[in-house]
Amino acid sequence: MQAVYDSEDTSADASAPSMTISDVVGTFQRGEKIVGGTTNAKGRILSVTSPLSYSLNGTFGVSDFGNLIQGREIMYTILQE
C-alpha cells in the first residue's frame, strides 16, 4: 500500500495530490520514485499523464516539490501544483 486518502466529505471522493508538468525529458513509470529538486520532498508517481498524481513518502507535511522533480534518470519541470 502506498497511501490512504480521505476527503472528509461523504459526498466527495478522495483524491491523491497532483501536479501539472511540462518539459518532460525521457519517460517515467508508475511507481517511480521522485525527489523535489529544491525541497527534497520524496514520493512515488501514481499516474503517468499530466496532471501527475503522486504520493509522498517519508516527508510528512511536505507537499511542494518545487519547480523541478528528479526521477531515477529523468527530470520534469512543474508548471503548477
N, C-alpha and C. Protein backbone atom coordinates (compact mmCIF):
# COMPACT_ATOMS: atom_id res chain seq x y z
N MET A 1 0.84 -1.16 0.00
CA MET A 1 0.00 0.00 0.00
C MET A 1 0.89 1.23 0.00
N GLN A 2 0.54 2.21 -0.79
CA GLN A 2 1.34 3.43 -0.93
C GLN A 2 0.79 4.56 -0.07
N ALA A 3 -0.53 4.76 -0.07
CA ALA A 3 -1.13 5.86 0.69
C ALA A 3 -2.63 5.62 0.84
N VAL A 4 -3.22 6.27 1.84
CA VAL A 4 -4.67 6.25 2.04
C VAL A 4 -5.12 7.70 2.10
N TYR A 5 -6.13 8.05 1.30
CA TYR A 5 -6.64 9.42 1.27
C TYR A 5 -8.08 9.43 1.72
N ASP A 6 -8.48 10.48 2.43
CA ASP A 6 -9.83 10.65 2.93
C ASP A 6 -10.29 12.06 2.60
N SER A 7 -11.43 12.18 1.92
CA SER A 7 -11.92 13.51 1.55
C SER A 7 -12.57 14.23 2.73
N GLU A 8 -12.89 13.48 3.78
CA GLU A 8 -13.58 14.01 4.96
C GLU A 8 -14.94 14.60 4.60
N ASP A 9 -15.48 14.19 3.46
CA ASP A 9 -16.79 14.63 2.99
C ASP A 9 -17.48 13.42 2.38
N THR A 10 -18.60 13.01 2.95
CA THR A 10 -19.27 11.80 2.47
C THR A 10 -19.82 11.95 1.06
N SER A 11 -19.92 13.17 0.54
CA SER A 11 -20.45 13.36 -0.81
C SER A 11 -19.35 13.55 -1.86
N ALA A 12 -18.09 13.44 -1.45
CA ALA A 12 -16.98 13.64 -2.40
C ALA A 12 -15.97 12.50 -2.28
N ASP A 13 -15.44 12.09 -3.42
CA ASP A 13 -14.41 11.06 -3.43
C ASP A 13 -13.06 11.66 -3.02
N ALA A 14 -12.26 10.87 -2.37
CA ALA A 14 -10.90 11.29 -2.03
C ALA A 14 -10.03 11.22 -3.28
N SER A 15 -9.00 12.06 -3.33
CA SER A 15 -8.08 12.02 -4.47
C SER A 15 -6.66 12.28 -4.00
N ALA A 16 -5.73 11.73 -4.73
CA ALA A 16 -4.31 11.93 -4.42
C ALA A 16 -3.90 13.32 -4.88
N PRO A 17 -2.85 13.89 -4.27
CA PRO A 17 -2.35 15.18 -4.76
C PRO A 17 -1.84 15.03 -6.19
N SER A 18 -1.86 16.14 -6.94
CA SER A 18 -1.40 16.08 -8.33
C SER A 18 -0.69 17.37 -8.70
N MET A 19 0.08 17.32 -9.80
CA MET A 19 0.77 18.49 -10.31
C MET A 19 0.79 18.43 -11.83
N THR A 20 0.73 19.60 -12.47
CA THR A 20 0.82 19.69 -13.91
C THR A 20 2.29 19.82 -14.28
N ILE A 21 2.73 19.04 -15.26
CA ILE A 21 4.15 19.05 -15.62
C ILE A 21 4.33 19.41 -17.08
N SER A 22 5.52 19.87 -17.41
CA SER A 22 5.89 20.16 -18.79
C SER A 22 7.36 19.84 -18.96
N ASP A 23 7.85 19.95 -20.18
CA ASP A 23 9.28 19.75 -20.46
C ASP A 23 9.80 18.43 -19.91
N VAL A 24 9.04 17.36 -20.12
CA VAL A 24 9.48 16.04 -19.66
C VAL A 24 10.58 15.55 -20.59
N VAL A 25 11.68 15.14 -20.01
CA VAL A 25 12.81 14.59 -20.77
C VAL A 25 12.87 13.11 -20.42
N GLY A 26 12.54 12.24 -21.36
CA GLY A 26 12.52 10.80 -21.11
C GLY A 26 11.11 10.33 -20.80
N THR A 27 11.01 9.09 -20.36
CA THR A 27 9.72 8.52 -19.98
C THR A 27 9.78 8.13 -18.52
N PHE A 28 8.64 8.05 -17.89
CA PHE A 28 8.61 7.65 -16.49
C PHE A 28 7.60 6.54 -16.31
N GLN A 29 7.68 5.85 -15.20
CA GLN A 29 6.86 4.68 -14.93
C GLN A 29 6.01 4.90 -13.68
N ARG A 30 4.84 4.30 -13.67
CA ARG A 30 4.02 4.31 -12.48
C ARG A 30 4.81 3.62 -11.36
N GLY A 31 4.83 4.24 -10.19
CA GLY A 31 5.58 3.69 -9.06
C GLY A 31 7.00 4.20 -8.97
N GLU A 32 7.44 4.98 -9.97
CA GLU A 32 8.80 5.51 -9.95
C GLU A 32 8.98 6.47 -8.78
N LYS A 33 10.14 6.39 -8.13
CA LYS A 33 10.46 7.30 -7.04
C LYS A 33 10.83 8.66 -7.62
N ILE A 34 10.34 9.74 -6.99
CA ILE A 34 10.68 11.10 -7.40
C ILE A 34 11.17 11.89 -6.19
N VAL A 35 12.00 12.89 -6.46
CA VAL A 35 12.55 13.75 -5.41
C VAL A 35 12.42 15.19 -5.87
N GLY A 36 12.00 16.09 -4.98
CA GLY A 36 11.91 17.51 -5.29
C GLY A 36 13.30 18.10 -5.42
N GLY A 37 13.55 18.80 -6.51
CA GLY A 37 14.87 19.36 -6.77
C GLY A 37 15.27 20.43 -5.77
N THR A 38 14.32 21.19 -5.22
CA THR A 38 14.65 22.26 -4.28
C THR A 38 14.20 21.95 -2.86
N THR A 39 13.20 21.08 -2.70
CA THR A 39 12.65 20.82 -1.37
C THR A 39 13.06 19.48 -0.79
N ASN A 40 13.59 18.59 -1.63
CA ASN A 40 13.96 17.23 -1.23
C ASN A 40 12.75 16.39 -0.82
N ALA A 41 11.53 16.82 -1.18
CA ALA A 41 10.34 16.01 -0.93
C ALA A 41 10.48 14.71 -1.70
N LYS A 42 10.04 13.62 -1.12
CA LYS A 42 10.15 12.32 -1.77
C LYS A 42 8.76 11.73 -1.98
N GLY A 43 8.58 11.08 -3.13
CA GLY A 43 7.29 10.48 -3.41
C GLY A 43 7.39 9.42 -4.48
N ARG A 44 6.22 8.92 -4.88
CA ARG A 44 6.11 7.94 -5.95
C ARG A 44 5.02 8.38 -6.90
N ILE A 45 5.25 8.17 -8.19
CA ILE A 45 4.28 8.53 -9.22
C ILE A 45 3.15 7.51 -9.22
N LEU A 46 1.90 8.00 -9.19
CA LEU A 46 0.73 7.12 -9.24
C LEU A 46 0.12 7.08 -10.63
N SER A 47 0.23 8.17 -11.40
CA SER A 47 -0.27 8.20 -12.78
C SER A 47 0.80 8.80 -13.68
N VAL A 48 0.83 8.39 -14.93
CA VAL A 48 1.92 8.79 -15.81
C VAL A 48 1.53 9.86 -16.84
N THR A 49 0.36 10.47 -16.69
CA THR A 49 -0.04 11.56 -17.57
C THR A 49 -0.27 12.80 -16.73
N SER A 50 -0.08 13.97 -17.33
CA SER A 50 -0.27 15.23 -16.62
C SER A 50 -1.76 15.56 -16.59
N PRO A 51 -2.32 15.95 -15.44
CA PRO A 51 -1.64 16.20 -14.17
C PRO A 51 -1.22 14.89 -13.52
N LEU A 52 -0.01 14.88 -13.03
CA LEU A 52 0.63 13.71 -12.44
C LEU A 52 0.15 13.52 -11.01
N SER A 53 -0.45 12.37 -10.70
CA SER A 53 -0.83 12.05 -9.33
C SER A 53 0.36 11.42 -8.64
N TYR A 54 0.54 11.71 -7.36
CA TYR A 54 1.70 11.19 -6.63
C TYR A 54 1.34 10.96 -5.17
N SER A 55 2.14 10.21 -4.48
CA SER A 55 2.03 10.05 -3.04
C SER A 55 3.36 10.47 -2.42
N LEU A 56 3.29 11.06 -1.24
CA LEU A 56 4.50 11.46 -0.53
C LEU A 56 5.01 10.28 0.28
N ASN A 57 6.32 10.16 0.41
CA ASN A 57 6.93 9.08 1.17
C ASN A 57 7.95 9.64 2.15
N GLY A 58 7.73 9.40 3.43
CA GLY A 58 8.75 9.73 4.43
C GLY A 58 8.99 11.20 4.65
N THR A 59 8.21 12.07 4.06
CA THR A 59 8.39 13.51 4.26
C THR A 59 7.05 14.12 4.63
N PHE A 60 6.48 13.66 5.71
CA PHE A 60 5.16 14.11 6.12
C PHE A 60 5.14 15.62 6.30
N GLY A 61 4.12 16.26 5.77
CA GLY A 61 3.99 17.71 5.85
C GLY A 61 4.59 18.43 4.66
N VAL A 62 5.41 17.76 3.86
CA VAL A 62 5.99 18.38 2.66
C VAL A 62 5.06 18.07 1.50
N SER A 63 4.48 19.09 0.93
CA SER A 63 3.56 18.85 -0.19
C SER A 63 4.01 19.57 -1.46
N ASP A 64 5.13 20.25 -1.41
CA ASP A 64 5.60 21.03 -2.54
C ASP A 64 6.92 20.46 -3.05
N PHE A 65 6.94 20.08 -4.32
CA PHE A 65 8.17 19.54 -4.90
C PHE A 65 9.06 20.63 -5.49
N GLY A 66 8.64 21.89 -5.43
CA GLY A 66 9.42 22.97 -6.03
C GLY A 66 9.18 23.01 -7.53
N ASN A 67 10.09 23.61 -8.27
CA ASN A 67 9.91 23.76 -9.72
C ASN A 67 10.49 22.60 -10.53
N LEU A 68 11.17 21.68 -9.88
CA LEU A 68 11.82 20.59 -10.61
C LEU A 68 11.72 19.32 -9.80
N ILE A 69 11.33 18.22 -10.45
CA ILE A 69 11.38 16.93 -9.78
C ILE A 69 12.31 16.03 -10.57
N GLN A 70 13.02 15.20 -9.85
CA GLN A 70 14.00 14.29 -10.45
C GLN A 70 13.51 12.87 -10.26
N GLY A 71 13.40 12.15 -11.37
CA GLY A 71 13.12 10.73 -11.31
C GLY A 71 14.44 9.99 -11.23
N ARG A 72 14.41 8.71 -11.47
CA ARG A 72 15.63 7.92 -11.41
C ARG A 72 16.69 8.45 -12.37
N GLU A 73 16.31 8.70 -13.60
CA GLU A 73 17.24 9.26 -14.58
C GLU A 73 16.57 10.33 -15.41
N ILE A 74 15.47 10.87 -14.94
CA ILE A 74 14.63 11.76 -15.72
C ILE A 74 14.34 13.03 -14.92
N MET A 75 14.24 14.17 -15.59
CA MET A 75 13.86 15.41 -14.94
C MET A 75 12.55 15.91 -15.52
N TYR A 76 11.74 16.53 -14.69
CA TYR A 76 10.45 17.09 -15.09
C TYR A 76 10.38 18.53 -14.59
N THR A 77 9.79 19.42 -15.36
CA THR A 77 9.55 20.78 -14.90
C THR A 77 8.08 20.89 -14.52
N ILE A 78 7.82 21.45 -13.34
CA ILE A 78 6.46 21.58 -12.86
C ILE A 78 5.91 22.95 -13.25
N LEU A 79 4.73 22.97 -13.88
CA LEU A 79 4.08 24.23 -14.22
C LEU A 79 3.31 24.79 -13.03
N GLN A 80 2.52 23.97 -12.40
CA GLN A 80 1.75 24.40 -11.24
C GLN A 80 1.34 23.18 -10.46
N GLU A 81 0.99 23.40 -9.20
CA GLU A 81 0.53 22.29 -8.36
C GLU A 81 -0.88 22.52 -7.95
